[in-house]
Amino acid sequence: LSLYRELLRAGRGKPGAEARVRAEFRQHACL
């Protein structure tokens, strides 16, 4: 969860970063 928050903060100003982070975490949420 901490990594998720840090990735969202780090990608805040970069195009496509937040959507990619969310998609990656959603993809692996069913593990």
All heavy atoms as atom14 arrays in JSON, in Angstrom:
{
  "sequence": "LSLYRELLRAGRGKPGAEARVRAEFRQHACL",
  "atom14_mask": [
    [1, 1, 1, 1, 1, 1, 1, 1, 0, 0, 0, 0, 0, 0],
    [1, 1, 1, 1, 1, 1, 0, 0, 0, 0, 0, 0, 0, 0],
    [1, 1, 1, 1, 1, 1, 1, 1, 0, 0, 0, 0, 0, 0],
    [1, 1, 1, 1, 1, 1, 1, 1, 1, 1, 1, 1, 0, 0],
    [1, 1, 1, 1, 1, 1, 1, 1, 1, 1, 1, 0, 0, 0],
    [1, 1, 1, 1, 1, 1, 1, 1, 1, 0, 0, 0, 0, 0],
    [1, 1, 1, 1, 1, 1, 1, 1, 0, 0, 0, 0, 0, 0],
    [1, 1, 1, 1, 1, 1, 1, 1, 0, 0, 0, 0, 0, 0],
    [1, 1, 1, 1, 1, 1, 1, 1, 1, 1, 1, 0, 0, 0],
    [1, 1, 1, 1, 1, 0, 0, 0, 0, 0, 0, 0, 0, 0],
    [1, 1, 1, 1, 0, 0, 0, 0, 0, 0, 0, 0, 0, 0],
    [1, 1, 1, 1, 1, 1, 1, 1, 1, 1, 1, 0, 0, 0],
    [1, 1, 1, 1, 0, 0, 0, 0, 0, 0, 0, 0, 0, 0],
    [1, 1, 1, 1, 1, 1, 1, 1, 1, 0, 0, 0, 0, 0],
    [1, 1, 1, 1, 1, 1, 1, 0, 0, 0, 0, 0, 0, 0],
    [1, 1, 1, 1, 0, 0, 0, 0, 0, 0, 0, 0, 0, 0],
    [1, 1, 1, 1, 1, 0, 0, 0, 0, 0, 0, 0, 0, 0],
    [1, 1, 1, 1, 1, 1, 1, 1, 1, 0, 0, 0, 0, 0],
    [1, 1, 1, 1, 1, 0, 0, 0, 0, 0, 0, 0, 0, 0],
    [1, 1, 1, 1, 1, 1, 1, 1, 1, 1, 1, 0, 0, 0],
    [1, 1, 1, 1, 1, 1, 1, 0, 0, 0, 0, 0, 0, 0],
    [1, 1, 1, 1, 1, 1, 1, 1, 1, 1, 1, 0, 0, 0],
    [1, 1, 1, 1, 1, 0, 0, 0, 0, 0, 0, 0, 0, 0],
    [1, 1, 1, 1, 1, 1, 1, 1, 1, 0, 0, 0, 0, 0],
    [1, 1, 1, 1, 1, 1, 1, 1, 1, 1, 1, 0, 0, 0],
    [1, 1, 1, 1, 1, 1, 1, 1, 1, 1, 1, 0, 0, 0],
    [1, 1, 1, 1, 1, 1, 1, 1, 1, 0, 0, 0, 0, 0],
    [1, 1, 1, 1, 1, 1, 1, 1, 1, 1, 0, 0, 0, 0],
    [1, 1, 1, 1, 1, 0, 0, 0, 0, 0, 0, 0, 0, 0],
    [1, 1, 1, 1, 1, 1, 0, 0, 0, 0, 0, 0, 0, 0],
    [1, 1, 1, 1, 1, 1, 1, 1, 0, 0, 0, 0, 0, 0]
  ],
  "atom14_positions": [
    [[0.82, -1.21, 0.0], [0.0, 0.0, 0.0], [0.86, 1.26, 0.0], [0.54, 2.25, -0.67], [-0.94, 0.0, 1.2], [-2.08, -1.01, 1.12], [-2.84, -1.06, 2.44], [-3.01, -0.69, -0.02], [0.0, 0.0, 0.0], [0.0, 0.0, 0.0], [0.0, 0.0, 0.0], [0.0, 0.0, 0.0], [0.0, 0.0, 0.0], [0.0, 0.0, 0.0]],
    [[1.95, 1.23, 0.73], [2.87, 2.36, 0.75], [3.5, 2.57, -0.63], [3.63, 3.71, -1.1], [3.95, 2.12, 1.8], [4.94, 3.12, 1.73], [0.0, 0.0, 0.0], [0.0, 0.0, 0.0], [0.0, 0.0, 0.0], [0.0, 0.0, 0.0], [0.0, 0.0, 0.0], [0.0, 0.0, 0.0], [0.0, 0.0, 0.0], [0.0, 0.0, 0.0]],
    [[3.88, 1.47, -1.28], [4.45, 1.56, -2.62], [3.44, 2.16, -3.59], [3.78, 3.01, -4.42], [4.89, 0.18, -3.1], [5.36, 0.08, -4.55], [6.65, 0.87, -4.74], [5.56, -1.37, -4.94], [0.0, 0.0, 0.0], [0.0, 0.0, 0.0], [0.0, 0.0, 0.0], [0.0, 0.0, 0.0], [0.0, 0.0, 0.0], [0.0, 0.0, 0.0]],
    [[2.18, 1.76, -3.48], [1.12, 2.28, -4.34], [1.0, 3.79, -4.18], [0.97, 4.53, -5.17], [-0.2, 1.59, -3.99], [-1.38, 2.05, -4.8], [-1.49, 1.73, -6.15], [-2.41, 2.78, -4.22], [-2.59, 2.14, -6.9], [-3.51, 3.19, -4.95], [-3.59, 2.86, -6.29], [-4.68, 3.27, -7.02], [0.0, 0.0, 0.0], [0.0, 0.0, 0.0]],
    [[0.96, 4.27, -2.95], [0.86, 5.71, -2.7], [2.08, 6.44, -3.24], [1.97, 7.5, -3.86], [0.69, 5.98, -1.21], [-0.7, 5.66, -0.7], [-0.91, 6.2, 0.7], [0.08, 5.72, 1.65], [-0.06, 4.64, 2.41], [-1.16, 3.93, 2.33], [0.88, 4.28, 3.26], [0.0, 0.0, 0.0], [0.0, 0.0, 0.0], [0.0, 0.0, 0.0]],
    [[3.28, 5.88, -3.01], [4.51, 6.53, -3.49], [4.56, 6.59, -5.01], [4.99, 7.59, -5.58], [5.73, 5.78, -2.95], [5.94, 5.94, -1.46], [7.14, 5.16, -0.97], [8.21, 5.26, -1.6], [7.0, 4.43, 0.03], [0.0, 0.0, 0.0], [0.0, 0.0, 0.0], [0.0, 0.0, 0.0], [0.0, 0.0, 0.0], [0.0, 0.0, 0.0]],
    [[4.12, 5.52, -5.68], [4.1, 5.52, -7.15], [3.12, 6.56, -7.68], [3.41, 7.24, -8.67], [3.75, 4.13, -7.68], [4.89, 3.11, -7.68], [4.35, 1.7, -7.9], [5.9, 3.46, -8.75], [0.0, 0.0, 0.0], [0.0, 0.0, 0.0], [0.0, 0.0, 0.0], [0.0, 0.0, 0.0], [0.0, 0.0, 0.0], [0.0, 0.0, 0.0]],
    [[1.96, 6.67, -7.04], [1.0, 7.67, -7.48], [1.56, 9.09, -7.28], [1.39, 9.95, -8.14], [-0.33, 7.53, -6.73], [-1.19, 6.34, -7.13], [-2.43, 6.26, -6.25], [-1.58, 6.41, -8.59], [0.0, 0.0, 0.0], [0.0, 0.0, 0.0], [0.0, 0.0, 0.0], [0.0, 0.0, 0.0], [0.0, 0.0, 0.0], [0.0, 0.0, 0.0]],
    [[2.23, 9.32, -6.17], [2.83, 10.65, -5.93], [3.95, 10.93, -6.92], [4.06, 12.04, -7.44], [3.39, 10.73, -4.51], [2.33, 10.89, -3.48], [2.95, 11.11, -2.1], [1.96, 10.88, -1.08], [2.09, 10.0, -0.08], [3.18, 9.27, 0.03], [1.14, 9.86, 0.8], [0.0, 0.0, 0.0], [0.0, 0.0, 0.0], [0.0, 0.0, 0.0]],
    [[4.79, 9.95, -7.19], [5.92, 10.14, -8.1], [5.44, 10.37, -9.53], [6.08, 11.1, -10.3], [6.86, 8.95, -8.05], [0.0, 0.0, 0.0], [0.0, 0.0, 0.0], [0.0, 0.0, 0.0], [0.0, 0.0, 0.0], [0.0, 0.0, 0.0], [0.0, 0.0, 0.0], [0.0, 0.0, 0.0], [0.0, 0.0, 0.0], [0.0, 0.0, 0.0]],
    [[4.33, 9.77, -9.91], [3.85, 9.89, -11.27], [2.85, 11.02, -11.47], [2.28, 11.15, -12.55], [0.0, 0.0, 0.0], [0.0, 0.0, 0.0], [0.0, 0.0, 0.0], [0.0, 0.0, 0.0], [0.0, 0.0, 0.0], [0.0, 0.0, 0.0], [0.0, 0.0, 0.0], [0.0, 0.0, 0.0], [0.0, 0.0, 0.0], [0.0, 0.0, 0.0]],
    [[2.67, 11.83, -10.45], [1.64, 12.87, -10.51], [1.83, 13.82, -11.69], [0.88, 14.19, -12.36], [1.64, 13.66, -9.21], [0.38, 14.45, -8.99], [0.29, 14.98, -7.6], [-0.21, 13.93, -6.7], [0.02, 13.89, -5.4], [0.75, 14.83, -4.83], [-0.46, 12.93, -4.66], [0.0, 0.0, 0.0], [0.0, 0.0, 0.0], [0.0, 0.0, 0.0]],
    [[3.04, 14.23, -12.01], [3.25, 15.2, -13.08], [3.62, 14.57, -14.42], [3.87, 15.29, -15.39], [0.0, 0.0, 0.0], [0.0, 0.0, 0.0], [0.0, 0.0, 0.0], [0.0, 0.0, 0.0], [0.0, 0.0, 0.0], [0.0, 0.0, 0.0], [0.0, 0.0, 0.0], [0.0, 0.0, 0.0], [0.0, 0.0, 0.0], [0.0, 0.0, 0.0]],
    [[3.63, 13.28, -14.49], [4.06, 12.6, -15.71], [2.85, 12.02, -16.44], [2.05, 11.32, -15.84], [5.07, 11.51, -15.38], [6.32, 12.08, -14.72], [7.27, 11.01, -14.31], [8.55, 11.49, -13.71], [8.54, 12.71, -12.98], [0.0, 0.0, 0.0], [0.0, 0.0, 0.0], [0.0, 0.0, 0.0], [0.0, 0.0, 0.0], [0.0, 0.0, 0.0]],
    [[2.73, 12.31, -17.73], [1.57, 11.82, -18.48], [1.51, 10.29, -18.53], [2.5, 9.64, -18.82], [1.76, 12.38, -19.89], [2.86, 13.37, -19.79], [3.62, 13.12, -18.53], [0.0, 0.0, 0.0], [0.0, 0.0, 0.0], [0.0, 0.0, 0.0], [0.0, 0.0, 0.0], [0.0, 0.0, 0.0], [0.0, 0.0, 0.0], [0.0, 0.0, 0.0]],
    [[0.37, 9.75, -18.23], [0.14, 8.32, -18.32], [0.61, 7.52, -17.13], [0.34, 6.32, -17.04], [0.0, 0.0, 0.0], [0.0, 0.0, 0.0], [0.0, 0.0, 0.0], [0.0, 0.0, 0.0], [0.0, 0.0, 0.0], [0.0, 0.0, 0.0], [0.0, 0.0, 0.0], [0.0, 0.0, 0.0], [0.0, 0.0, 0.0], [0.0, 0.0, 0.0]],
    [[1.31, 8.14, -16.2], [1.9, 7.39, -15.09], [0.83, 6.93, -14.09], [0.82, 5.77, -13.69], [2.96, 8.23, -14.38], [0.0, 0.0, 0.0], [0.0, 0.0, 0.0], [0.0, 0.0, 0.0], [0.0, 0.0, 0.0], [0.0, 0.0, 0.0], [0.0, 0.0, 0.0], [0.0, 0.0, 0.0], [0.0, 0.0, 0.0], [0.0, 0.0, 0.0]],
    [[-0.05, 7.82, -13.7], [-1.05, 7.45, -12.7], [-1.97, 6.36, -13.23], [-2.29, 5.4, -12.52], [-1.87, 8.67, -12.29], [-1.12, 9.61, -11.38], [-1.99, 10.74, -10.87], [-3.15, 10.47, -10.51], [-1.51, 11.88, -10.86], [0.0, 0.0, 0.0], [0.0, 0.0, 0.0], [0.0, 0.0, 0.0], [0.0, 0.0, 0.0], [0.0, 0.0, 0.0]],
    [[-2.39, 6.49, -14.47], [-3.28, 5.48, -15.05], [-2.57, 4.14, -15.16], [-3.15, 3.08, -14.89], [-3.75, 5.93, -16.43], [0.0, 0.0, 0.0], [0.0, 0.0, 0.0], [0.0, 0.0, 0.0], [0.0, 0.0, 0.0], [0.0, 0.0, 0.0], [0.0, 0.0, 0.0], [0.0, 0.0, 0.0], [0.0, 0.0, 0.0], [0.0, 0.0, 0.0]],
    [[-1.29, 4.16, -15.51], [-0.53, 2.91, -15.64], [-0.34, 2.24, -14.27], [-0.45, 1.02, -14.15], [0.83, 3.21, -16.28], [1.72, 2.04, -16.44], [1.18, 1.12, -17.51], [2.0, -0.07, -17.54], [1.52, -1.28, -17.78], [0.27, -1.44, -18.06], [2.32, -2.31, -17.76], [0.0, 0.0, 0.0], [0.0, 0.0, 0.0], [0.0, 0.0, 0.0]],
    [[-0.07, 3.04, -13.24], [0.1, 2.5, -11.89], [-1.2, 1.85, -11.43], [-1.2, 0.72, -10.94], [0.55, 3.6, -10.91], [0.46, 3.13, -9.47], [1.97, 4.05, -11.23], [0.0, 0.0, 0.0], [0.0, 0.0, 0.0], [0.0, 0.0, 0.0], [0.0, 0.0, 0.0], [0.0, 0.0, 0.0], [0.0, 0.0, 0.0], [0.0, 0.0, 0.0]],
    [[-2.3, 2.56, -11.61], [-3.6, 2.01, -11.2], [-3.92, 0.72, -11.96], [-4.39, -0.25, -11.38], [-4.69, 3.04, -11.44], [-4.69, 4.14, -10.42], [-5.95, 4.98, -10.51], [-5.94, 5.99, -9.48], [-5.62, 7.26, -9.67], [-5.29, 7.68, -10.87], [-5.62, 8.1, -8.66], [0.0, 0.0, 0.0], [0.0, 0.0, 0.0], [0.0, 0.0, 0.0]],
    [[-3.66, 0.73, -13.27], [-3.95, -0.46, -14.08], [-3.09, -1.64, -13.65], [-3.58, -2.78, -13.58], [-3.72, -0.14, -15.55], [0.0, 0.0, 0.0], [0.0, 0.0, 0.0], [0.0, 0.0, 0.0], [0.0, 0.0, 0.0], [0.0, 0.0, 0.0], [0.0, 0.0, 0.0], [0.0, 0.0, 0.0], [0.0, 0.0, 0.0], [0.0, 0.0, 0.0]],
    [[-1.83, -1.39, -13.36], [-0.93, -2.47, -12.95], [-1.37, -3.07, -11.62], [-1.39, -4.29, -11.45], [0.5, -1.92, -12.83], [1.55, -2.96, -12.61], [1.98, -3.67, -13.88], [1.74, -3.15, -14.98], [2.56, -4.76, -13.75], [0.0, 0.0, 0.0], [0.0, 0.0, 0.0], [0.0, 0.0, 0.0], [0.0, 0.0, 0.0], [0.0, 0.0, 0.0]],
    [[-1.74, -2.22, -10.67], [-2.18, -2.73, -9.37], [-3.52, -3.46, -9.49], [-3.73, -4.46, -8.84], [-2.26, -1.6, -8.35], [-0.95, -1.36, -7.64], [0.06, -0.61, -8.22], [-0.71, -1.91, -6.4], [1.26, -0.4, -7.59], [0.5, -1.71, -5.75], [1.48, -0.95, -6.35], [0.0, 0.0, 0.0], [0.0, 0.0, 0.0], [0.0, 0.0, 0.0]],
    [[-4.43, -2.95, -10.33], [-5.71, -3.65, -10.52], [-5.51, -5.0, -11.17], [-6.21, -5.96, -10.85], [-6.63, -2.8, -11.39], [-7.33, -1.73, -10.62], [-8.49, -1.14, -11.39], [-8.98, 0.03, -10.68], [-8.84, 1.27, -11.11], [-8.24, 1.54, -12.23], [-9.31, 2.26, -10.41], [0.0, 0.0, 0.0], [0.0, 0.0, 0.0], [0.0, 0.0, 0.0]],
    [[-4.56, -5.07, -12.11], [-4.3, -6.32, -12.81], [-3.86, -7.42, -11.84], [-4.23, -8.57, -11.97], [-3.22, -6.1, -13.87], [-2.84, -7.34, -14.62], [-1.69, -7.08, -15.58], [-1.22, -5.96, -15.72], [-1.22, -8.11, -16.22], [0.0, 0.0, 0.0], [0.0, 0.0, 0.0], [0.0, 0.0, 0.0], [0.0, 0.0, 0.0], [0.0, 0.0, 0.0]],
    [[-3.07, -7.03, -10.84], [-2.54, -8.02, -9.91], [-3.3, -8.07, -8.59], [-2.87, -8.74, -7.65], [-1.06, -7.74, -9.65], [-0.22, -7.85, -10.88], [-0.01, -9.04, -11.53], [0.43, -6.91, -11.6], [0.75, -8.84, -12.59], [1.02, -7.55, -12.66], [0.0, 0.0, 0.0], [0.0, 0.0, 0.0], [0.0, 0.0, 0.0], [0.0, 0.0, 0.0]],
    [[-4.43, -7.4, -8.5], [-5.19, -7.37, -7.25], [-5.81, -8.72, -6.91], [-6.11, -8.99, -5.75], [-6.29, -6.31, -7.33], [0.0, 0.0, 0.0], [0.0, 0.0, 0.0], [0.0, 0.0, 0.0], [0.0, 0.0, 0.0], [0.0, 0.0, 0.0], [0.0, 0.0, 0.0], [0.0, 0.0, 0.0], [0.0, 0.0, 0.0], [0.0, 0.0, 0.0]],
    [[-5.97, -9.58, -7.9], [-6.64, -10.86, -7.64], [-5.65, -11.96, -7.24], [-6.05, -13.11, -7.09], [-7.43, -11.3, -8.87], [-6.41, -11.57, -10.3], [0.0, 0.0, 0.0], [0.0, 0.0, 0.0], [0.0, 0.0, 0.0], [0.0, 0.0, 0.0], [0.0, 0.0, 0.0], [0.0, 0.0, 0.0], [0.0, 0.0, 0.0], [0.0, 0.0, 0.0]],
    [[-4.39, -11.62, -7.06], [-3.43, -12.64, -6.62], [-3.83, -13.14, -5.24], [-4.23, -12.36, -4.37], [-2.02, -12.04, -6.51], [-1.27, -11.82, -7.8], [0.04, -11.1, -7.53], [-1.01, -13.12, -8.5], [0.0, 0.0, 0.0], [0.0, 0.0, 0.0], [0.0, 0.0, 0.0], [0.0, 0.0, 0.0], [0.0, 0.0, 0.0], [0.0, 0.0, 0.0]]
  ]
}
